[in-house]
Amino acid sequence: MQTKISSDKKEVIIGHDQPVVAIGERINPTGRSKLANALEQGDFAYVQNEALKQVKAGCQVLGINVGVSGADEAALMVDTLHAVREVTDTPLCLDSANPKVLQAGLEVYKGKALVNSVNGEDAKLKEVLPMVAHYKTAVVALTMDDKGIPTDVPTRLAIADKIFNEAAKLGIPTEDIIIDPLAMSVAADDQSGLGALDSLAQIRDRFGVNQTIGASNISFGLPARRAINCVFLAMAIVNGLTCPITDPTVWEIRQTLLLTDLFHGKDSFAMNYISAYRDNFPQDE
């Protein structure tokens, strides 16, 4: 099953038969004070630089979240989209918990965007899915509902099934729904990693859809987070993850994504890995 998203000039195909697609996480002010300040001050050159760094590092899709406290988020989303489009034609993932912000972005977006996100809450389904149908976008669907984030796999599958059913009523094809089974910190719950991996595998086997996950959530509160994130990413990809939300500007993260492609036979003669390695370590030539 393939999910296609695009800008007006470039298309990205996400699928189990395709190389892993990295969704860049750096244009998100949560935990990034410099970016938050830049957005507050209208410093879009800083945002453009973040976009270009991620594209250079192999991001095929750029996440755009402009949730700065006190700002007009809808207007800021539109301005940010225009600024990013000035420097790259990479397809975008519009990320906001506010449907009005998503709609403002979709009104000016050229191509087929990825929307982040909908979930199993009745209100969210009624607000977001009609928008997805109208603008013919793809959408990230979180396996949570009005009761919160479930810890057990069967409930996550049931929520995914509910979202698929509601989407079908609006004519949204299954391939345009990317499930996020949600990774939670193993520091808070030492079973959360296993739960995320089991959810990925069972969702893949039952529905065959593409899946994303915020990989860095798994390591929150622990030392050596980079190593934890890399190991989790590799294991998650084996279990059905096709388009992680992550930061490939960190070489170890990019290396993990490239090597999982190589070991899955998706990098002919290891050329992608070799090329990326040479870009990062030219002194080794």
C-alpha atoms as a PDB file:
ATOM      1  CA  MET A   1       0.000   0.000   0.000  1.00  0.00           C
ATOM      2  CA  GLN A   2       1.424   3.354  -1.042  1.00  0.00           C
ATOM      3  CA  THR A   3       0.701   6.821   0.299  1.00  0.00           C
ATOM      4  CA  LYS A   4       1.523   9.651  -2.085  1.00  0.00           C
ATOM      5  CA  ILE A   5       2.036  13.232  -0.975  1.00  0.00           C
ATOM      6  CA  SER A   6       3.386  16.104  -3.009  1.00  0.00           C
ATOM      7  CA  SER A   7       4.239  19.722  -3.476  1.00  0.00           C
ATOM      8  CA  ASP A   8       3.375  21.345  -6.786  1.00  0.00           C
ATOM      9  CA  LYS A   9       6.706  20.068  -8.173  1.00  0.00           C
ATOM     10  CA  LYS A  10       7.743  16.963  -6.238  1.00  0.00           C
ATOM     11  CA  GLU A  11       6.029  13.720  -5.195  1.00  0.00           C
ATOM     12  CA  VAL A  12       7.011  11.396  -2.362  1.00  0.00           C
ATOM     13  CA  ILE A  13       5.821   7.798  -2.203  1.00  0.00           C
ATOM     14  CA  ILE A  14       5.587   6.134   1.206  1.00  0.00           C
ATOM     15  CA  GLY A  15       5.260   2.363   1.273  1.00  0.00           C
ATOM     16  CA  HIS A  16       6.537  -0.874   2.731  1.00  0.00           C
ATOM     17  CA  ASP A  17       8.220  -1.555  -0.615  1.00  0.00           C
ATOM     18  CA  GLN A  18       9.904   1.871  -0.613  1.00  0.00           C
ATOM     19  CA  PRO A  19      12.903   3.301   1.257  1.00  0.00           C
ATOM     20  CA  VAL A  20      12.053   4.791   4.637  1.00  0.00           C
ATOM     21  CA  VAL A  21      10.705   8.339   4.346  1.00  0.00           C
ATOM     22  CA  ALA A  22      11.940  10.751   7.016  1.00  0.00           C
ATOM     23  CA  ILE A  23       9.516  13.446   8.166  1.00  0.00           C
ATOM     24  CA  GLY A  24      11.634  16.261   9.564  1.00  0.00           C
ATOM     25  CA  GLU A  25      10.763  17.314  13.101  1.00  0.00           C
ATOM     26  CA  ARG A  26      12.894  20.426  13.538  1.00  0.00           C
ATOM     27  CA  ILE A  27      10.338  23.078  12.521  1.00  0.00           C
ATOM     28  CA  ASN A  28       8.404  22.684  15.744  1.00  0.00           C
ATOM     29  CA  PRO A  29       8.896  25.207  18.569  1.00  0.00           C
ATOM     30  CA  THR A  30       8.194  22.668  21.343  1.00  0.00           C
ATOM     31  CA  GLY A  31      11.457  22.427  23.268  1.00  0.00           C
ATOM     32  CA  ARG A  32      13.244  24.642  20.732  1.00  0.00           C
ATOM     33  CA  SER A  33      13.499  28.132  22.200  1.00  0.00           C
ATOM     34  CA  LYS A  34      15.519  29.605  19.301  1.00  0.00           C
ATOM     35  CA  LEU A  35      12.880  28.525  16.798  1.00  0.00           C
ATOM     36  CA  ALA A  36      10.078  29.778  19.054  1.00  0.00           C
ATOM     37  CA  ASN A  37      11.782  33.174  19.307  1.00  0.00           C
ATOM     38  CA  ALA A  38      12.323  33.294  15.553  1.00  0.00           C
ATOM     39  CA  LEU A  39       8.657  32.558  14.883  1.00  0.00           C
ATOM     40  CA  GLU A  40       7.551  35.159  17.421  1.00  0.00           C
ATOM     41  CA  GLN A  41       9.767  37.762  15.743  1.00  0.00           C
ATOM     42  CA  GLY A  42       8.845  36.794  12.191  1.00  0.00           C
ATOM     43  CA  ASP A  43      12.427  35.694  11.483  1.00  0.00           C
ATOM     44  CA  PHE A  44      11.618  33.355   8.628  1.00  0.00           C
ATOM     45  CA  ALA A  45      15.245  33.204   7.500  1.00  0.00           C
ATOM     46  CA  TYR A  46      15.881  31.034  10.572  1.00  0.00           C
ATOM     47  CA  VAL A  47      12.957  28.783   9.618  1.00  0.00           C
ATOM     48  CA  GLN A  48      14.193  28.551   6.041  1.00  0.00           C
ATOM     49  CA  ASN A  49      17.620  27.519   7.275  1.00  0.00           C
ATOM     50  CA  GLU A  50      16.070  24.760   9.384  1.00  0.00           C
ATOM     51  CA  ALA A  51      14.164  23.549   6.328  1.00  0.00           C
ATOM     52  CA  LEU A  52      17.262  23.472   4.140  1.00  0.00           C
ATOM     53  CA  LYS A  53      19.372  21.684   6.766  1.00  0.00           C
ATOM     54  CA  GLN A  54      16.802  18.908   6.979  1.00  0.00           C
ATOM     55  CA  VAL A  55      16.428  18.536   3.225  1.00  0.00           C
ATOM     56  CA  LYS A  56      20.208  18.322   2.879  1.00  0.00           C
ATOM     57  CA  ALA A  57      20.191  15.595   5.541  1.00  0.00           C
ATOM     58  CA  GLY A  58      17.731  13.505   3.549  1.00  0.00           C
ATOM     59  CA  CYS A  59      14.299  14.595   4.774  1.00  0.00           C
ATOM     60  CA  GLN A  60      11.739  13.810   2.092  1.00  0.00           C
ATOM     61  CA  VAL A  61       8.901  15.529   3.990  1.00  0.00           C
ATOM     62  CA  LEU A  62       9.158  18.578   6.250  1.00  0.00           C
ATOM     63  CA  GLY A  63       6.939  18.858   9.302  1.00  0.00           C
ATOM     64  CA  ILE A  64       5.628  22.392   9.911  1.00  0.00           C
ATOM     65  CA  ASN A  65       4.381  23.238  13.400  1.00  0.00           C
ATOM     66  CA  VAL A  66       4.118  26.885  14.462  1.00  0.00           C
ATOM     67  CA  GLY A  67       2.352  26.533  17.812  1.00  0.00           C
ATOM     68  CA  VAL A  68       3.862  29.512  19.618  1.00  0.00           C
ATOM     69  CA  SER A  69       1.972  30.698  22.683  1.00  0.00           C
ATOM     70  CA  GLY A  70       0.085  33.931  22.104  1.00  0.00           C
ATOM     71  CA  ALA A  71       0.659  34.011  18.346  1.00  0.00           C
ATOM     72  CA  ASP A  72      -1.967  34.023  15.609  1.00  0.00           C
ATOM     73  CA  GLU A  73      -1.174  30.444  14.704  1.00  0.00           C
ATOM     74  CA  ALA A  74      -3.282  30.348  11.539  1.00  0.00           C
ATOM     75  CA  ALA A  75      -1.608  33.438  10.077  1.00  0.00           C
ATOM     76  CA  LEU A  76       1.804  32.205  11.214  1.00  0.00           C
ATOM     77  CA  MET A  77       1.212  28.858   9.517  1.00  0.00           C
ATOM     78  CA  VAL A  78       0.427  30.584   6.215  1.00  0.00           C
ATOM     79  CA  ASP A  79       3.478  32.859   6.457  1.00  0.00           C
ATOM     80  CA  THR A  80       5.732  29.922   7.347  1.00  0.00           C
ATOM     81  CA  LEU A  81       4.473  27.826   4.453  1.00  0.00           C
ATOM     82  CA  HIS A  82       5.195  30.657   2.035  1.00  0.00           C
ATOM     83  CA  ALA A  83       8.682  31.155   3.516  1.00  0.00           C
ATOM     84  CA  VAL A  84       9.577  27.461   3.347  1.00  0.00           C
ATOM     85  CA  ARG A  85       8.281  27.179  -0.194  1.00  0.00           C
ATOM     86  CA  GLU A  86      10.641  29.970  -1.258  1.00  0.00           C
ATOM     87  CA  VAL A  87      13.644  27.739  -0.544  1.00  0.00           C
ATOM     88  CA  THR A  88      12.471  24.156  -1.171  1.00  0.00           C
ATOM     89  CA  ASP A  89       9.831  22.241  -3.097  1.00  0.00           C
ATOM     90  CA  THR A  90       9.883  19.384  -0.571  1.00  0.00           C
ATOM     91  CA  PRO A  91       6.360  18.161   0.328  1.00  0.00           C
ATOM     92  CA  LEU A  92       5.093  19.333   3.710  1.00  0.00           C
ATOM     93  CA  CYS A  93       3.325  17.898   6.733  1.00  0.00           C
ATOM     94  CA  LEU A  94       1.070  20.513   8.345  1.00  0.00           C
ATOM     95  CA  ASP A  95       1.082  19.861  12.081  1.00  0.00           C
ATOM     96  CA  SER A  96      -1.391  21.443  14.508  1.00  0.00           C
ATOM     97  CA  ALA A  97      -3.930  20.402  17.105  1.00  0.00           C
ATOM     98  CA  ASN A  98      -6.157  23.244  15.883  1.00  0.00           C
ATOM     99  CA  PRO A  99      -8.270  22.368  12.808  1.00  0.00           C
ATOM    100  CA  LYS A 100      -8.584  26.061  11.891  1.00  0.00           C
ATOM    101  CA  VAL A 101      -4.807  26.296  11.616  1.00  0.00           C
ATOM    102  CA  LEU A 102      -4.725  23.227   9.391  1.00  0.00           C
ATOM    103  CA  GLN A 103      -7.426  24.673   7.178  1.00  0.00           C
ATOM    104  CA  ALA A 104      -5.597  27.985   6.841  1.00  0.00           C
ATOM    105  CA  GLY A 105      -2.514  26.110   5.699  1.00  0.00           C
ATOM    106  CA  LEU A 106      -4.394  23.883   3.292  1.00  0.00           C
ATOM    107  CA  GLU A 107      -6.029  26.892   1.676  1.00  0.00           C
ATOM    108  CA  VAL A 108      -2.644  28.060   0.377  1.00  0.00           C
ATOM    109  CA  TYR A 109      -0.879  24.708  -0.027  1.00  0.00           C
ATOM    110  CA  LYS A 110      -0.191  23.623  -3.589  1.00  0.00           C
ATOM    111  CA  GLY A 111      -0.058  19.864  -3.983  1.00  0.00           C
ATOM    112  CA  LYS A 112      -1.199  17.034  -1.721  1.00  0.00           C
ATOM    113  CA  ALA A 113      -0.215  17.755   1.858  1.00  0.00           C
ATOM    114  CA  LEU A 114       0.066  15.449   4.841  1.00  0.00           C
ATOM    115  CA  VAL A 115      -2.057  16.625   7.783  1.00  0.00           C
ATOM    116  CA  ASN A 116      -1.051  15.878  11.362  1.00  0.00           C
ATOM    117  CA  SER A 117      -3.413  14.897  12.843  1.00  0.00           C
ATOM    118  CA  VAL A 118      -6.712  13.210  13.561  1.00  0.00           C
ATOM    119  CA  ASN A 119      -7.458  10.691  16.307  1.00  0.00           C
ATOM    120  CA  GLY A 120     -10.307   8.570  17.578  1.00  0.00           C
ATOM    121  CA  GLU A 121     -11.985  11.365  19.550  1.00  0.00           C
ATOM    122  CA  ASP A 122     -15.470  11.962  18.156  1.00  0.00           C
ATOM    123  CA  ALA A 123     -14.926  15.728  17.973  1.00  0.00           C
ATOM    124  CA  LYS A 124     -11.634  15.340  16.114  1.00  0.00           C
ATOM    125  CA  LEU A 125     -13.150  12.930  13.617  1.00  0.00           C
ATOM    126  CA  LYS A 126     -15.950  15.392  12.856  1.00  0.00           C
ATOM    127  CA  GLU A 127     -13.580  18.372  12.573  1.00  0.00           C
ATOM    128  CA  VAL A 128     -10.616  16.949  10.698  1.00  0.00           C
ATOM    129  CA  LEU A 129     -11.822  14.147   8.425  1.00  0.00           C
ATOM    130  CA  PRO A 130     -14.199  16.330   6.347  1.00  0.00           C
ATOM    131  CA  MET A 131     -11.261  18.701   5.794  1.00  0.00           C
ATOM    132  CA  VAL A 132      -9.064  15.806   4.677  1.00  0.00           C
ATOM    133  CA  ALA A 133     -11.776  14.699   2.263  1.00  0.00           C
ATOM    134  CA  HIS A 134     -12.340  18.212   0.908  1.00  0.00           C
ATOM    135  CA  TYR A 135      -8.690  19.040   0.263  1.00  0.00           C
ATOM    136  CA  LYS A 136      -7.822  15.447  -0.707  1.00  0.00           C
ATOM    137  CA  THR A 137      -4.861  15.259   1.640  1.00  0.00           C
ATOM    138  CA  ALA A 138      -3.222  12.383   3.460  1.00  0.00           C
ATOM    139  CA  VAL A 139      -3.585  12.345   7.237  1.00  0.00           C
ATOM    140  CA  VAL A 140      -1.748  11.061  10.304  1.00  0.00           C
ATOM    141  CA  ALA A 141      -4.148   9.213  12.604  1.00  0.00           C
ATOM    142  CA  LEU A 142      -3.212   8.804  16.264  1.00  0.00           C
ATOM    143  CA  THR A 143      -4.378   5.731  18.147  1.00  0.00           C
ATOM    144  CA  MET A 144      -5.937   7.655  21.023  1.00  0.00           C
ATOM    145  CA  ASP A 145      -9.517   8.637  21.761  1.00  0.00           C
ATOM    146  CA  ASP A 146     -11.715  10.372  24.328  1.00  0.00           C
ATOM    147  CA  LYS A 147     -10.355   8.021  27.000  1.00  0.00           C
ATOM    148  CA  GLY A 148      -6.761   9.052  26.317  1.00  0.00           C
ATOM    149  CA  ILE A 149      -3.788   7.041  25.074  1.00  0.00           C
ATOM    150  CA  PRO A 150      -4.329   3.299  25.542  1.00  0.00           C
ATOM    151  CA  THR A 151      -1.467   1.126  26.749  1.00  0.00           C
ATOM    152  CA  ASP A 152      -2.805  -2.113  25.297  1.00  0.00           C
ATOM    153  CA  VAL A 153      -2.480  -3.130  21.660  1.00  0.00           C
ATOM    154  CA  PRO A 154      -6.079  -4.320  21.040  1.00  0.00           C
ATOM    155  CA  THR A 155      -7.489  -0.905  21.969  1.00  0.00           C
ATOM    156  CA  ARG A 156      -5.040   0.824  19.636  1.00  0.00           C
ATOM    157  CA  LEU A 157      -6.136  -1.463  16.807  1.00  0.00           C
ATOM    158  CA  ALA A 158      -9.795  -0.794  17.592  1.00  0.00           C
ATOM    159  CA  ILE A 159      -9.213   2.973  17.421  1.00  0.00           C
ATOM    160  CA  ALA A 160      -7.400   2.609  14.097  1.00  0.00           C
ATOM    161  CA  ASP A 161     -10.311   0.547  12.784  1.00  0.00           C
ATOM    162  CA  LYS A 162     -12.770   3.215  13.914  1.00  0.00           C
ATOM    163  CA  ILE A 163     -10.820   5.918  12.090  1.00  0.00           C
ATOM    164  CA  PHE A 164     -10.691   3.842   8.902  1.00  0.00           C
ATOM    165  CA  ASN A 165     -14.440   3.274   9.041  1.00  0.00           C
ATOM    166  CA  GLU A 166     -15.246   6.943   9.588  1.00  0.00           C
ATOM    167  CA  ALA A 167     -12.858   7.963   6.828  1.00  0.00           C
ATOM    168  CA  ALA A 168     -14.435   5.491   4.400  1.00  0.00           C
ATOM    169  CA  LYS A 169     -17.821   7.157   4.916  1.00  0.00           C
ATOM    170  CA  LEU A 170     -16.307  10.357   3.502  1.00  0.00           C
ATOM    171  CA  GLY A 171     -14.576   8.659   0.611  1.00  0.00           C
ATOM    172  CA  ILE A 172     -11.083   8.943   2.076  1.00  0.00           C
ATOM    173  CA  PRO A 173      -9.021   6.023   0.749  1.00  0.00           C
ATOM    174  CA  THR A 174      -7.248   3.801   3.261  1.00  0.00           C
ATOM    175  CA  GLU A 175      -3.876   4.480   1.668  1.00  0.00           C
ATOM    176  CA  ASP A 176      -4.213   8.159   2.596  1.00  0.00           C
ATOM    177  CA  ILE A 177      -4.318   7.313   6.319  1.00  0.00           C
ATOM    178  CA  ILE A 178      -0.974   6.945   8.093  1.00  0.00           C
ATOM    179  CA  ILE A 179      -1.349   5.443  11.547  1.00  0.00           C
ATOM    180  CA  ASP A 180       0.687   6.690  14.508  1.00  0.00           C
ATOM    181  CA  PRO A 181       0.459   4.102  17.327  1.00  0.00           C
ATOM    182  CA  LEU A 182       2.221   6.557  19.673  1.00  0.00           C
ATOM    183  CA  ALA A 183       5.536   5.981  21.380  1.00  0.00           C
ATOM    184  CA  MET A 184       5.679   6.870  25.053  1.00  0.00           C
ATOM    185  CA  SER A 185       8.725   7.187  27.280  1.00  0.00           C
ATOM    186  CA  VAL A 186      10.157   3.932  28.563  1.00  0.00           C
ATOM    187  CA  ALA A 187      11.415   5.888  31.570  1.00  0.00           C
ATOM    188  CA  ALA A 188       7.807   6.291  32.701  1.00  0.00           C
ATOM    189  CA  ASP A 189       6.646   2.811  31.616  1.00  0.00           C
ATOM    190  CA  ASP A 190       9.178   0.113  30.825  1.00  0.00           C
ATOM    191  CA  GLN A 191       6.564  -1.736  28.747  1.00  0.00           C
ATOM    192  CA  SER A 192       5.802   1.198  26.459  1.00  0.00           C
ATOM    193  CA  GLY A 193       8.505   0.313  23.945  1.00  0.00           C
ATOM    194  CA  LEU A 194       7.175  -3.211  23.598  1.00  0.00           C
ATOM    195  CA  GLY A 195       3.643  -1.856  23.291  1.00  0.00           C
ATOM    196  CA  ALA A 196       4.639   0.493  20.471  1.00  0.00           C
ATOM    197  CA  LEU A 197       6.527  -2.217  18.593  1.00  0.00           C
ATOM    198  CA  ASP A 198       3.704  -4.742  18.972  1.00  0.00           C
ATOM    199  CA  SER A 199       1.201  -2.126  17.798  1.00  0.00           C
ATOM    200  CA  LEU A 200       3.271  -1.352  14.715  1.00  0.00           C
ATOM    201  CA  ALA A 201       3.538  -5.026  13.795  1.00  0.00           C
ATOM    202  CA  GLN A 202      -0.133  -5.836  14.351  1.00  0.00           C
ATOM    203  CA  ILE A 203      -1.376  -2.720  12.531  1.00  0.00           C
ATOM    204  CA  ARG A 204       0.881  -3.590   9.590  1.00  0.00           C
ATOM    205  CA  ASP A 205      -0.308  -7.201   9.522  1.00  0.00           C
ATOM    206  CA  ARG A 206      -4.006  -6.386   9.933  1.00  0.00           C
ATOM    207  CA  PHE A 207      -4.396  -3.237   7.822  1.00  0.00           C
ATOM    208  CA  GLY A 208      -1.260  -3.080   5.656  1.00  0.00           C
ATOM    209  CA  VAL A 209      -1.091   0.714   5.990  1.00  0.00           C
ATOM    210  CA  ASN A 210       1.832   3.055   6.377  1.00  0.00           C
ATOM    211  CA  GLN A 211       2.821   4.149   9.857  1.00  0.00           C
ATOM    212  CA  THR A 212       4.665   7.001  11.496  1.00  0.00           C
ATOM    213  CA  ILE A 213       5.799   7.615  15.046  1.00  0.00           C
ATOM    214  CA  GLY A 214       7.533  10.375  17.010  1.00  0.00           C
ATOM    215  CA  ALA A 215      10.643   8.322  17.637  1.00  0.00           C
ATOM    216  CA  SER A 216      12.321  10.602  20.179  1.00  0.00           C
ATOM    217  CA  ASN A 217       9.396  10.308  22.609  1.00  0.00           C
ATOM    218  CA  ILE A 218      10.588   6.832  23.566  1.00  0.00           C
ATOM    219  CA  SER A 219      13.765   8.147  25.238  1.00  0.00           C
ATOM    220  CA  PHE A 220      12.382  11.119  27.158  1.00  0.00           C
ATOM    221  CA  GLY A 221      13.847  11.317  30.654  1.00  0.00           C
ATOM    222  CA  LEU A 222      16.750   8.950  29.987  1.00  0.00           C
ATOM    223  CA  PRO A 223      20.486   9.502  29.383  1.00  0.00           C
ATOM    224  CA  ALA A 224      22.126   8.752  26.019  1.00  0.00           C
ATOM    225  CA  ARG A 225      18.891   9.536  24.176  1.00  0.00           C
ATOM    226  CA  ARG A 226      20.516   9.424  20.748  1.00  0.00           C
ATOM    227  CA  ALA A 227      21.497   5.776  21.133  1.00  0.00           C
ATOM    228  CA  ILE A 228      18.046   4.857  22.451  1.00  0.00           C
ATOM    229  CA  ASN A 229      16.330   6.606  19.558  1.00  0.00           C
ATOM    230  CA  CYS A 230      18.500   4.849  16.973  1.00  0.00           C
ATOM    231  CA  VAL A 231      17.892   1.369  18.363  1.00  0.00           C
ATOM    232  CA  PHE A 232      14.167   1.999  18.666  1.00  0.00           C
ATOM    233  CA  LEU A 233      13.983   3.370  15.114  1.00  0.00           C
ATOM    234  CA  ALA A 234      15.659   0.284  13.682  1.00  0.00           C
ATOM    235  CA  MET A 235      13.360  -2.053  15.612  1.00  0.00           C
ATOM    236  CA  ALA A 236      10.281  -0.016  14.706  1.00  0.00           C
ATOM    237  CA  ILE A 237      11.107  -0.102  10.983  1.00  0.00           C
ATOM    238  CA  VAL A 238      11.411  -3.888  11.135  1.00  0.00           C
ATOM    239  CA  ASN A 239       7.943  -3.931  12.713  1.00  0.00           C
ATOM    240  CA  GLY A 240       6.210  -1.774  10.100  1.00  0.00           C
ATOM    241  CA  LEU A 241       7.281   1.856  10.540  1.00  0.00           C
ATOM    242  CA  THR A 242       7.597   3.505   7.112  1.00  0.00           C
ATOM    243  CA  CYS A 243       7.817   7.267   7.737  1.00  0.00           C
ATOM    244  CA  PRO A 244       9.173   8.258  11.160  1.00  0.00           C
ATOM    245  CA  ILE A 245       9.011  11.800  12.485  1.00  0.00           C
ATOM    246  CA  THR A 246      12.641  12.355  13.376  1.00  0.00           C
ATOM    247  CA  ASP A 247      15.782  14.455  12.916  1.00  0.00           C
ATOM    248  CA  PRO A 248      18.161  13.136  10.237  1.00  0.00           C
ATOM    249  CA  THR A 249      20.451  16.142  10.721  1.00  0.00           C
ATOM    250  CA  VAL A 250      21.787  13.948  13.530  1.00  0.00           C
ATOM    251  CA  TRP A 251      24.134  11.637  11.630  1.00  0.00           C
ATOM    252  CA  GLU A 252      23.441   8.613  13.824  1.00  0.00           C
ATOM    253  CA  ILE A 253      19.709   8.923  13.071  1.00  0.00           C
ATOM    254  CA  ARG A 254      20.288   9.275   9.348  1.00  0.00           C
ATOM    255  CA  GLN A 255      22.748   6.386   9.445  1.00  0.00           C
ATOM    256  CA  THR A 256      20.136   4.187  11.114  1.00  0.00           C
ATOM    257  CA  LEU A 257      17.553   4.989   8.432  1.00  0.00           C
ATOM    258  CA  LEU A 258      20.027   4.378   5.613  1.00  0.00           C
ATOM    259  CA  LEU A 259      21.233   1.084   7.044  1.00  0.00           C
ATOM    260  CA  THR A 260      17.741  -0.277   7.594  1.00  0.00           C
ATOM    261  CA  ASP A 261      17.080   0.452   3.914  1.00  0.00           C
ATOM    262  CA  LEU A 262      20.306  -1.323   2.996  1.00  0.00           C
ATOM    263  CA  PHE A 263      19.522  -4.417   5.051  1.00  0.00           C
ATOM    264  CA  HIS A 264      16.012  -4.538   3.577  1.00  0.00           C
ATOM    265  CA  GLY A 265      17.419  -4.539   0.049  1.00  0.00           C
ATOM    266  CA  LYS A 266      16.254  -1.008  -0.744  1.00  0.00           C
ATOM    267  CA  ASP A 267      19.646   0.584  -1.459  1.00  0.00           C
ATOM    268  CA  SER A 268      21.183  -0.763  -4.653  1.00  0.00           C
ATOM    269  CA  PHE A 269      24.887  -1.488  -4.147  1.00  0.00           C
ATOM    270  CA  ALA A 270      24.718   0.606  -0.924  1.00  0.00           C
ATOM    271  CA  MET A 271      25.028   3.760  -3.029  1.00  0.00           C
ATOM    272  CA  ASN A 272      22.711   5.897  -0.881  1.00  0.00           C
ATOM    273  CA  TYR A 273      24.603   4.968   2.271  1.00  0.00           C
ATOM    274  CA  ILE A 274      28.017   5.507   0.677  1.00  0.00           C
ATOM    275  CA  SER A 275      26.977   8.865  -0.771  1.00  0.00           C
ATOM    276  CA  ALA A 276      25.604  10.087   2.556  1.00  0.00           C
ATOM    277  CA  TYR A 277      28.712   8.889   4.403  1.00  0.00           C
ATOM    278  CA  ARG A 278      30.989  10.746   1.984  1.00  0.00           C
ATOM    279  CA  ASP A 279      28.944  13.923   2.452  1.00  0.00           C
ATOM    280  CA  ASN A 280      29.341  13.684   6.229  1.00  0.00           C
ATOM    281  CA  PHE A 281      32.929  12.429   6.400  1.00  0.00           C
ATOM    282  CA  PRO A 282      34.778  13.716   3.322  1.00  0.00           C
ATOM    283  CA  GLN A 283      38.068  13.459   5.227  1.00  0.00           C
ATOM    284  CA  ASP A 284      37.783   9.662   5.044  1.00  0.00           C
ATOM    285  CA  GLU A 285      38.160   9.749   1.253  1.00  0.00           C
END
